[in-house]
N, C-alpha and C. Protein backbone atom coordinates (compact mmCIF):
# COMPACT_ATOMS: atom_id res chain seq x y z
N UNK A 1 0.77 -1.31 0.19
CA UNK A 1 -0.23 -0.01 0.19
C UNK A 1 1.19 1.16 0.16
N UNK A 2 0.56 1.63 -1.16
CA UNK A 2 1.65 3.30 -1.07
C UNK A 2 1.04 4.22 -0.40
N UNK A 3 2.02 5.19 0.54
CA UNK A 3 2.19 5.77 1.68
C UNK A 3 0.97 6.92 0.55
N UNK A 4 0.01 7.38 2.00
CA UNK A 4 -1.06 8.36 1.78
C UNK A 4 -0.31 9.69 1.25
N UNK A 5 0.47 9.95 1.80
CA UNK A 5 1.43 11.43 1.37
C UNK A 5 1.80 11.45 -0.31
N UNK A 6 2.52 10.23 -0.52
CA UNK A 6 2.73 9.92 -1.47
C UNK A 6 1.62 10.30 -2.98
N UNK A 7 0.27 9.45 -2.54
CA UNK A 7 -0.64 9.69 -2.89
C UNK A 7 -0.93 10.52 -3.20
N UNK A 8 -1.02 11.33 -2.25
CA UNK A 8 -2.11 12.83 -2.45
C UNK A 8 -0.85 14.14 -2.71
N UNK A 9 -0.39 14.01 -3.23
CA UNK A 9 1.04 14.87 -3.63
C UNK A 9 1.12 14.50 -5.05
N UNK A 10 0.40 13.58 -5.62
CA UNK A 10 1.09 12.96 -6.58
C UNK A 10 -0.70 13.34 -7.32
N UNK A 11 -1.94 12.57 -7.20
CA UNK A 11 -3.04 13.43 -7.46
C UNK A 11 -3.12 14.63 -7.64
N UNK A 12 -2.53 15.31 -6.35
CA UNK A 12 -2.56 17.38 -6.80
C UNK A 12 -2.08 17.64 -8.05
N UNK A 13 -0.46 17.06 -7.82
CA UNK A 13 0.07 17.72 -9.65
C UNK A 13 -0.56 17.37 -10.51
N UNK A 14 -1.05 16.63 -10.70
CA UNK A 14 -2.13 15.83 -11.58
C UNK A 14 -3.63 16.57 -12.18
N UNK A 15 -4.10 16.90 -10.84
CA UNK A 15 -5.50 17.57 -10.89
C UNK A 15 -4.91 19.02 -11.24
N UNK A 16 -3.83 19.76 -10.69
CA UNK A 16 -4.01 20.89 -11.14
C UNK A 16 -2.90 20.82 -12.44
N UNK A 17 -2.63 19.80 -13.16
CA UNK A 17 -1.96 20.45 -14.36
C UNK A 17 -3.18 20.17 -15.33
N UNK A 18 -4.36 19.35 -14.88
CA UNK A 18 -5.63 19.75 -15.98
C UNK A 18 -6.34 20.12 -14.95
N UNK A 19 -6.21 21.58 -14.29
CA UNK A 19 -7.70 22.17 -14.05
C UNK A 19 -8.52 21.42 -13.37
N UNK A 20 -8.08 20.61 -12.62
CA UNK A 20 -9.36 20.03 -11.70
C UNK A 20 -9.29 20.15 -10.57
N UNK A 21 -10.84 19.83 -10.22
CA UNK A 21 -10.76 20.19 -8.09
C UNK A 21 -11.84 19.03 -8.00
N UNK A 22 -11.33 18.79 -6.72
CA UNK A 22 -11.71 17.47 -6.22
C UNK A 22 -12.66 17.42 -5.41
N UNK A 23 -13.63 16.89 -5.01
CA UNK A 23 -14.66 17.23 -4.17
C UNK A 23 -14.65 15.54 -3.80
N UNK A 24 -14.63 15.12 -1.83
CA UNK A 24 -15.24 14.16 -1.80
C UNK A 24 -16.84 13.83 -0.73
N UNK A 25 -17.29 12.40 -0.60
CA UNK A 25 -18.42 12.87 0.21
C UNK A 25 -18.33 11.03 0.81
N UNK A 26 -17.81 11.74 2.07
CA UNK A 26 -17.05 9.90 2.89
C UNK A 26 -17.91 9.64 4.43
N UNK A 27 -18.15 8.86 4.30
CA UNK A 27 -18.99 8.42 5.50
C UNK A 27 -18.54 7.06 5.96
N UNK A 28 -17.91 6.19 5.83
CA UNK A 28 -17.23 5.66 7.21
C UNK A 28 -15.62 5.52 7.06
N UNK A 29 -15.25 6.94 6.54
CA UNK A 29 -13.68 7.13 6.52
C UNK A 29 -14.16 8.35 7.09
N UNK A 30 -14.83 9.07 7.40
CA UNK A 30 -15.05 10.34 8.51
C UNK A 30 -14.30 11.18 7.65
N UNK A 31 -13.52 11.72 7.04
CA UNK A 31 -13.21 12.72 6.71
C UNK A 31 -11.51 12.16 5.86
N UNK A 32 -11.48 10.81 5.65
CA UNK A 32 -9.63 10.33 5.96
C UNK A 32 -9.37 10.45 4.68
N UNK A 33 -10.32 10.93 3.65
CA UNK A 33 -9.44 11.61 1.85
C UNK A 33 -9.33 12.42 2.41
N UNK A 34 -9.88 13.41 3.15
CA UNK A 34 -9.93 14.91 2.77
C UNK A 34 -9.04 15.05 3.80
N UNK A 35 -8.51 14.21 4.80
CA UNK A 35 -7.63 14.75 5.72
C UNK A 35 -6.04 14.29 4.86
N UNK A 36 -6.10 13.01 4.35
CA UNK A 36 -4.81 13.26 3.23
C UNK A 36 -4.48 14.04 2.53
N UNK A 37 -5.36 15.02 1.79
CA UNK A 37 -5.18 15.92 0.79
C UNK A 37 -4.77 16.86 1.13
N UNK A 38 -5.56 17.62 1.97
CA UNK A 38 -5.13 18.87 3.00
C UNK A 38 -4.43 18.07 3.37
N UNK A 39 -3.80 17.58 4.12
CA UNK A 39 -1.84 17.20 4.56
C UNK A 39 -0.99 17.70 3.32
N UNK A 40 -1.33 18.12 2.51
CA UNK A 40 -1.05 18.38 1.31
C UNK A 40 -0.51 20.03 1.40
N UNK A 41 0.57 20.54 1.24
CA UNK A 41 0.20 21.89 1.08
C UNK A 41 -0.03 23.09 0.11
N UNK A 42 -1.16 23.48 -0.14
CA UNK A 42 -1.14 23.96 -1.25
C UNK A 42 -2.39 23.29 -2.16
N UNK A 43 -2.88 22.40 -1.35
CA UNK A 43 -4.00 22.10 -2.01
C UNK A 43 -5.92 22.24 -2.43
N UNK A 44 -5.56 24.05 -1.60
CA UNK A 44 -6.97 24.51 -1.74
C UNK A 44 -6.64 24.49 -3.47
N UNK A 45 -5.45 24.78 -3.88
CA UNK A 45 -5.94 25.03 -5.84
C UNK A 45 -6.27 23.98 -6.27
N UNK A 46 -6.84 22.69 -5.46
CA UNK A 46 -7.24 21.87 -6.50
C UNK A 46 -8.21 20.54 -5.73
N UNK A 47 -8.27 21.18 -4.27
CA UNK A 47 -9.84 20.88 -3.69
C UNK A 47 -10.55 21.81 -3.02
N UNK A 48 -11.64 21.44 -3.21
CA UNK A 48 -12.57 22.21 -2.97
C UNK A 48 -13.61 22.06 -1.80
N UNK A 49 -13.61 20.95 -0.91
CA UNK A 49 -14.36 20.47 0.52
C UNK A 49 -14.85 18.92 0.08
N UNK A 50 -15.31 18.87 1.48
CA UNK A 50 -15.81 17.36 1.77
C UNK A 50 -16.72 17.51 2.53
N UNK A 51 -17.77 16.48 2.31
CA UNK A 51 -18.53 15.90 3.07
C UNK A 51 -18.67 15.03 3.80
N UNK A 52 -19.09 15.06 4.67
CA UNK A 52 -18.65 14.22 5.88
C UNK A 52 -20.46 13.62 5.94
N UNK A 53 -20.75 12.71 5.57
CA UNK A 53 -22.36 12.18 5.75
C UNK A 53 -22.04 10.88 6.37
N UNK A 54 -22.20 10.82 7.58
CA UNK A 54 -22.09 9.57 8.12
C UNK A 54 -23.63 9.09 8.35
N UNK A 55 -24.27 10.31 8.57
CA UNK A 55 -25.85 9.69 9.19
C UNK A 55 -27.02 9.46 7.29
N UNK A 56 -27.78 8.86 7.47
CA UNK A 56 -28.07 8.81 6.25
C UNK A 56 -29.29 10.45 6.32
N UNK A 57 -29.34 10.57 7.49
CA UNK A 57 -30.03 12.27 7.21
C UNK A 57 -29.39 13.09 6.58
N UNK A 58 -28.08 13.14 7.04
CA UNK A 58 -26.88 14.01 5.98
C UNK A 58 -26.85 13.61 4.66
N UNK A 59 -26.96 12.57 4.42
CA UNK A 59 -26.49 11.70 3.14
C UNK A 59 -27.27 12.26 2.47
N UNK A 60 -28.64 12.37 2.93
CA UNK A 60 -30.00 13.39 2.08
C UNK A 60 -29.75 14.53 2.14
N UNK A 61 -29.60 15.51 3.01
CA UNK A 61 -30.00 16.82 3.60
C UNK A 61 -28.53 17.17 2.58
N UNK A 62 -27.29 16.52 2.77
CA UNK A 62 -25.99 17.67 2.31
C UNK A 62 -25.58 17.41 0.93
N UNK A 63 -26.20 16.13 0.16
CA UNK A 63 -26.11 15.70 -0.88
C UNK A 63 -27.15 15.42 -1.99
N UNK A 64 -28.46 15.08 -1.43
CA UNK A 64 -29.16 14.79 -2.01
C UNK A 64 -29.99 13.33 -2.65
N UNK A 65 -29.04 12.27 -1.72
CA UNK A 65 -29.11 10.58 -2.07
C UNK A 65 -30.64 11.04 -1.04
N UNK A 66 -31.55 9.86 -2.29
CA UNK A 66 -32.53 9.86 -2.48
C UNK A 66 -33.44 8.79 -0.93
N UNK A 67 -34.41 8.51 -0.27
CA UNK A 67 -34.31 8.40 1.01
C UNK A 67 -35.15 6.22 0.78
N UNK A 68 -35.33 6.54 -0.90
CA UNK A 68 -36.06 5.44 -1.58
C UNK A 68 -34.87 4.66 -1.67
N UNK A 69 -33.32 5.73 -2.64
CA UNK A 69 -32.78 4.38 -2.62
C UNK A 69 -31.75 4.01 -1.38
N UNK A 70 -31.68 4.95 -0.15
CA UNK A 70 -31.66 4.31 0.88
C UNK A 70 -32.37 3.43 1.82
N UNK A 71 -33.46 3.21 1.69
CA UNK A 71 -34.68 2.16 1.96
C UNK A 71 -34.16 1.04 1.26
N UNK A 72 -33.83 1.20 -0.05
CA UNK A 72 -33.84 -0.27 -1.24
C UNK A 72 -32.96 -1.22 -0.81
N UNK A 73 -31.54 -0.42 -0.62
CA UNK A 73 -30.34 -1.11 -0.99
C UNK A 73 -29.84 -0.90 0.23
N UNK A 74 -29.66 0.20 1.32
CA UNK A 74 -28.65 0.45 1.96
C UNK A 74 -28.26 1.49 2.34
N UNK A 75 -27.50 2.19 3.19
CA UNK A 75 -26.53 3.22 3.33
C UNK A 75 -25.30 2.58 2.18
N UNK A 76 -24.51 1.42 2.83
CA UNK A 76 -23.43 0.48 2.16
C UNK A 76 -24.25 0.32 0.83
N UNK A 77 -24.05 1.27 -0.30
CA UNK A 77 -24.55 -0.03 -1.62
C UNK A 77 -23.95 1.11 -2.50
N UNK A 78 -23.88 0.70 -4.01
CA UNK A 78 -22.96 1.07 -5.05
C UNK A 78 -24.26 2.50 -5.17
N UNK A 79 -25.44 2.11 -5.32
CA UNK A 79 -26.30 2.99 -5.54
C UNK A 79 -26.54 4.13 -4.88
N UNK A 80 -26.06 4.10 -3.42
CA UNK A 80 -25.85 5.41 -2.57
C UNK A 80 -25.29 5.85 -2.82
N UNK A 81 -23.65 5.17 -3.35
CA UNK A 81 -22.35 6.06 -3.17
C UNK A 81 -22.68 6.52 -4.61
N UNK A 82 -23.34 6.48 -5.52
CA UNK A 82 -23.05 7.25 -6.57
C UNK A 82 -24.26 8.12 -6.57
N UNK A 83 -24.92 8.34 -5.94
CA UNK A 83 -26.29 9.33 -5.42
C UNK A 83 -24.80 10.56 -4.69
N UNK A 84 -23.97 10.15 -4.14
CA UNK A 84 -23.42 10.87 -3.62
C UNK A 84 -22.60 11.19 -3.89
N UNK A 85 -21.60 10.45 -5.10
CA UNK A 85 -20.50 10.95 -6.31
C UNK A 85 -21.38 12.21 -6.82
N UNK A 86 -22.66 12.27 -7.12
CA UNK A 86 -23.10 13.05 -8.04
C UNK A 86 -23.65 14.56 -7.14
N UNK A 87 -24.16 13.63 -6.20
CA UNK A 87 -24.72 15.05 -5.55
C UNK A 87 -23.01 15.73 -5.41
N UNK A 88 -22.04 15.25 -4.38
CA UNK A 88 -21.19 15.97 -4.04
C UNK A 88 -20.73 16.84 -5.39
N UNK A 89 -20.93 16.73 -6.65
CA UNK A 89 -20.85 17.54 -7.57
C UNK A 89 -21.74 18.13 -7.22
N UNK A 90 -22.58 18.27 -7.77
CA UNK A 90 -23.57 19.34 -7.70
C UNK A 90 -23.61 20.60 -6.70
N UNK A 91 -23.69 20.16 -5.25
CA UNK A 91 -23.14 20.92 -4.22
C UNK A 91 -21.92 21.37 -4.19
N UNK A 92 -20.67 22.02 -5.48
CA UNK A 92 -19.57 22.42 -4.56
C UNK A 92 -19.14 22.43 -6.50
N UNK A 93 -17.98 23.63 -6.18
CA UNK A 93 -17.37 24.06 -7.37
C UNK A 93 -16.35 22.77 -7.74
N UNK A 94 -16.73 21.64 -7.52
CA UNK A 94 -15.53 20.44 -7.74
C UNK A 94 -16.09 19.90 -9.62
N UNK A 95 -15.02 19.66 -10.21
CA UNK A 95 -15.24 18.86 -11.26
C UNK A 95 -15.05 17.22 -11.63
N UNK A 96 -14.39 16.75 -9.74
CA UNK A 96 -14.39 14.98 -9.81
C UNK A 96 -14.71 15.10 -8.63
N UNK A 97 -14.77 13.76 -8.50
CA UNK A 97 -15.38 13.54 -7.29
C UNK A 97 -15.60 11.76 -6.69
N UNK A 98 -15.78 11.90 -4.89
CA UNK A 98 -15.29 10.91 -4.88
C UNK A 98 -16.34 10.43 -3.55
N UNK A 99 -16.87 9.28 -3.96
CA UNK A 99 -17.88 9.16 -2.03
C UNK A 99 -17.63 7.56 -1.91
N UNK A 100 -17.62 7.45 -0.13
CA UNK A 100 -17.46 6.28 0.11
C UNK A 100 -17.97 6.20 0.93
N UNK A 101 -18.98 4.32 1.26
CA UNK A 101 -19.93 4.55 2.65
C UNK A 101 -19.69 2.71 2.23
N UNK A 102 -18.82 2.06 4.00
CA UNK A 102 -19.01 1.20 4.01
C UNK A 102 -18.91 0.60 5.94
N UNK A 103 -18.70 -0.44 6.23
CA UNK A 103 -19.17 -0.61 7.16
C UNK A 103 -17.05 -1.12 7.67
N UNK A 104 -17.03 -0.47 8.76
CA UNK A 104 -14.93 -0.65 9.17
C UNK A 104 -15.30 -1.64 10.18
N UNK A 105 -16.70 -1.74 10.99
CA UNK A 105 -16.27 -2.85 11.88
C UNK A 105 -16.22 -1.84 13.59
N UNK A 106 -16.14 -2.98 14.37
CA UNK A 106 -16.04 -4.14 14.59
C UNK A 106 -17.39 -4.56 14.38
N UNK A 107 -18.52 -3.68 14.75
CA UNK A 107 -20.03 -4.62 14.21
C UNK A 107 -20.22 -3.84 12.96
N UNK A 108 -21.83 -4.00 13.31
CA UNK A 108 -22.23 -3.60 11.91
C UNK A 108 -22.83 -4.25 10.74
N UNK A 109 -21.81 -5.96 10.41
CA UNK A 109 -22.07 -6.60 9.46
C UNK A 109 -23.11 -7.00 9.01
N UNK A 110 -23.16 -7.58 7.95
CA UNK A 110 -24.19 -9.02 8.35
C UNK A 110 -23.58 -9.97 7.59
N UNK A 111 -24.36 -10.83 6.85
CA UNK A 111 -23.91 -12.01 5.73
C UNK A 111 -24.03 -11.35 4.44
N UNK A 112 -25.17 -10.73 4.03
CA UNK A 112 -24.78 -10.38 2.60
C UNK A 112 -23.60 -8.49 2.85
N UNK A 113 -23.57 -7.85 4.12
CA UNK A 113 -22.69 -7.23 3.87
C UNK A 113 -21.55 -7.61 5.32
N UNK A 114 -20.36 -8.29 5.20
CA UNK A 114 -19.94 -8.28 6.39
C UNK A 114 -18.53 -6.86 6.44
N UNK A 115 -18.70 -6.51 7.68
CA UNK A 115 -17.78 -5.92 8.07
C UNK A 115 -16.04 -6.08 7.11
N UNK A 116 -16.05 -4.27 6.41
CA UNK A 116 -14.92 -4.71 5.81
C UNK A 116 -15.80 -4.49 4.52
N UNK A 117 -16.72 -3.82 4.15
CA UNK A 117 -17.64 -4.10 2.99
C UNK A 117 -17.13 -2.60 2.81
N UNK A 118 -16.55 -2.33 1.88
CA UNK A 118 -16.91 -0.22 1.18
C UNK A 118 -17.22 -0.54 -0.39
N UNK A 119 -18.01 0.92 -0.23
CA UNK A 119 -18.73 1.03 -1.56
C UNK A 119 -17.78 2.27 -1.89
N UNK A 120 -17.40 2.28 -3.56
CA UNK A 120 -17.39 3.88 -3.93
C UNK A 120 -17.56 3.80 -5.21
N UNK A 121 -17.73 5.34 -5.04
CA UNK A 121 -18.12 6.07 -6.89
C UNK A 121 -17.28 6.84 -6.96
N UNK A 122 -16.97 6.71 -7.93
CA UNK A 122 -16.39 8.51 -8.70
C UNK A 122 -16.92 8.76 -10.00
N UNK A 123 -17.31 10.16 -10.08
CA UNK A 123 -17.49 10.97 -11.18
C UNK A 123 -16.92 12.25 -11.77
N UNK A 124 -17.13 12.50 -12.86
CA UNK A 124 -16.83 13.96 -13.55
C UNK A 124 -17.66 14.69 -13.72
N UNK A 125 -17.66 15.95 -13.76
CA UNK A 125 -18.08 17.07 -14.30
C UNK A 125 -18.97 16.60 -15.97
N UNK A 126 -17.63 16.26 -16.34
CA UNK A 126 -18.00 15.41 -18.14
C UNK A 126 -18.29 14.37 -17.58
N UNK A 127 -18.86 13.33 -17.12
CA UNK A 127 -19.61 12.30 -17.27
C UNK A 127 -18.91 11.12 -16.99
N UNK A 128 -17.99 11.30 -16.74
CA UNK A 128 -17.01 9.32 -16.54
C UNK A 128 -17.56 9.55 -15.25
N UNK A 129 -17.94 8.11 -14.68
CA UNK A 129 -18.25 7.05 -13.49
C UNK A 129 -17.25 5.88 -13.02
N UNK A 130 -17.42 5.45 -11.99
CA UNK A 130 -16.98 4.74 -12.01
C UNK A 130 -17.75 4.15 -10.51
N UNK A 131 -17.59 2.74 -10.27
CA UNK A 131 -19.07 2.71 -9.21
C UNK A 131 -17.82 1.28 -8.23
N UNK A 132 -17.29 1.13 -7.57
CA UNK A 132 -17.05 -0.78 -6.85
C UNK A 132 -17.20 -1.06 -5.67
N UNK A 133 -17.51 -2.37 -5.66
CA UNK A 133 -17.01 -2.65 -3.56
C UNK A 133 -16.39 -3.56 -3.54
N UNK A 134 -15.49 -2.87 -2.27
CA UNK A 134 -14.31 -3.58 -2.19
C UNK A 134 -14.64 -4.32 -0.90
N UNK A 135 -13.92 -5.57 -0.35
CA UNK A 135 -13.95 -6.12 1.26
C UNK A 135 -12.40 -5.92 1.29
N UNK A 136 -12.49 -5.06 2.56
CA UNK A 136 -11.02 -5.10 2.93
C UNK A 136 -11.08 -5.89 4.35
N UNK A 137 -9.70 -6.24 4.60
CA UNK A 137 -9.55 -7.62 6.28
C UNK A 137 -8.84 -6.54 7.08
N UNK A 138 -9.31 -6.35 8.31
CA UNK A 138 -8.43 -5.77 9.33
C UNK A 138 -9.45 -5.27 10.15
N UNK A 139 -9.14 -4.59 10.91
CA UNK A 139 -9.82 -4.23 12.18
C UNK A 139 -10.08 -2.49 11.76
N UNK A 140 -11.13 -1.98 12.45
CA UNK A 140 -11.45 -0.56 12.19
C UNK A 140 -10.11 0.63 11.25
N UNK A 141 -9.45 0.71 12.08
CA UNK A 141 -8.41 1.55 11.93
C UNK A 141 -8.10 1.25 10.36
N UNK A 142 -7.94 -0.19 10.15
CA UNK A 142 -6.99 -0.70 8.96
C UNK A 142 -8.13 -0.50 7.87
N UNK A 143 -9.26 -1.07 7.57
CA UNK A 143 -10.38 -1.03 6.85
C UNK A 143 -10.55 0.36 6.37
N UNK A 144 -10.63 1.36 7.43
CA UNK A 144 -10.59 2.73 7.49
C UNK A 144 -8.95 3.36 5.91
N UNK A 145 -8.13 2.76 6.78
CA UNK A 145 -6.49 3.62 6.55
C UNK A 145 -6.80 2.38 4.45
N UNK A 146 -7.16 1.34 3.98
CA UNK A 146 -7.22 1.14 3.02
C UNK A 146 -8.28 1.30 2.09
N UNK A 147 -9.62 2.19 2.67
CA UNK A 147 -10.17 2.06 1.97
C UNK A 147 -9.82 3.81 1.42
N UNK A 148 -9.07 4.50 2.13
CA UNK A 148 -8.80 5.77 1.82
C UNK A 148 -7.72 5.57 0.62
N UNK A 149 -6.88 4.32 1.03
CA UNK A 149 -5.47 4.37 -0.02
C UNK A 149 -6.71 3.70 -1.36
N UNK A 150 -7.46 3.17 -1.32
CA UNK A 150 -7.97 2.72 -2.32
C UNK A 150 -8.53 3.65 -3.57
N UNK A 151 -9.63 4.82 -2.71
CA UNK A 151 -10.20 5.65 -3.26
C UNK A 151 -8.73 7.02 -3.79
N UNK A 152 -8.09 6.83 -3.27
CA UNK A 152 -6.71 7.93 -3.76
C UNK A 152 -6.36 6.97 -4.75
N UNK A 153 -5.62 6.09 -4.66
CA UNK A 153 -5.57 5.18 -5.90
C UNK A 153 -5.92 4.98 -7.34
N UNK A 154 -7.33 5.06 -7.11
CA UNK A 154 -8.04 5.18 -8.34
C UNK A 154 -7.99 6.56 -8.66
N UNK A 155 -8.39 7.38 -8.29
CA UNK A 155 -8.65 8.77 -8.18
C UNK A 155 -6.89 8.71 -9.27
N UNK A 156 -6.09 8.26 -8.93
CA UNK A 156 -4.22 8.66 -9.33
C UNK A 156 -4.30 8.00 -10.69
N UNK A 157 -5.01 6.59 -10.85
CA UNK A 157 -5.25 5.87 -11.98
C UNK A 157 -6.05 6.19 -13.43
N UNK A 158 -7.20 7.35 -12.28
CA UNK A 158 -7.87 7.55 -13.91
C UNK A 158 -7.45 8.97 -14.31
N UNK A 159 -6.67 9.57 -13.56
CA UNK A 159 -6.10 10.62 -14.00
C UNK A 159 -4.84 10.50 -14.94
N UNK A 160 -4.35 9.60 -14.58
CA UNK A 160 -3.14 9.08 -15.07
C UNK A 160 -3.81 8.56 -16.99
N UNK A 161 -4.43 8.19 -17.24
CA UNK A 161 -5.27 7.61 -18.26
C UNK A 161 -4.86 8.54 -19.82
N UNK A 162 -4.68 8.21 -20.94
CA UNK A 162 -4.54 8.78 -21.55
C UNK A 162 -5.32 10.38 -21.50
N UNK A 163 -6.74 10.20 -21.73
CA UNK A 163 -8.14 10.41 -21.70
C UNK A 163 -8.79 10.80 -20.32
N UNK A 164 -8.64 11.21 -19.62
CA UNK A 164 -8.95 11.13 -17.80
C UNK A 164 -10.09 11.41 -18.15
N UNK A 165 -10.61 11.93 -18.76
CA UNK A 165 -12.08 12.81 -18.85
C UNK A 165 -13.10 12.34 -20.29
N UNK A 166 -13.03 11.53 -20.72
CA UNK A 166 -13.59 11.31 -22.03
C UNK A 166 -14.78 9.73 -21.33
C-alpha cells in the first residue's frame, strides 16, 4: 500500500495540471480522504470541500441522496455512493468526486455485507463514472486506511489515463 502523502501529492499535481477540482463525500472514512489531501500544502488550489455524511439524514440533506435509494439498497451500496458522488459535484465547485460508504466494524456487518465491505463511486462533471465494492480485511482502523488508499489510488489511475475525462 502506497503512502497516503505520496498518493495525495501525485494526485494534486495531476489535478492542478488538468485544471480539475476534487470534492469528497465520505461516510465510513469520516473525512480520511480529505485529511490526506489537506495534509498537502497548496491543496486549496485543487480541492474544494469534503462532505462527511455519516448519517442517512446527512446523505439526504447535504448530497441529495434519495430516501427511496437508502431504503431499497441501504447506506452501504453502490446505488447510494453513486448518488453521493453526483450530489457532491452538484453541491460544490468540484469537477471530480469520490464517495465512500462502508462497514468499518467491529460491528454492523451482516451475511450480505460483512465488516470490511466498502462501496466507492467516482464521478466527473464531464460524465465519467466508476463504481466498485471492495472487501477489506483488518480492524476498523485498517479498513478505513485501506479505503482511503483505494479511493486515492483509483483517482490517481484515472488521472494518468491518456484521456481521463472522456
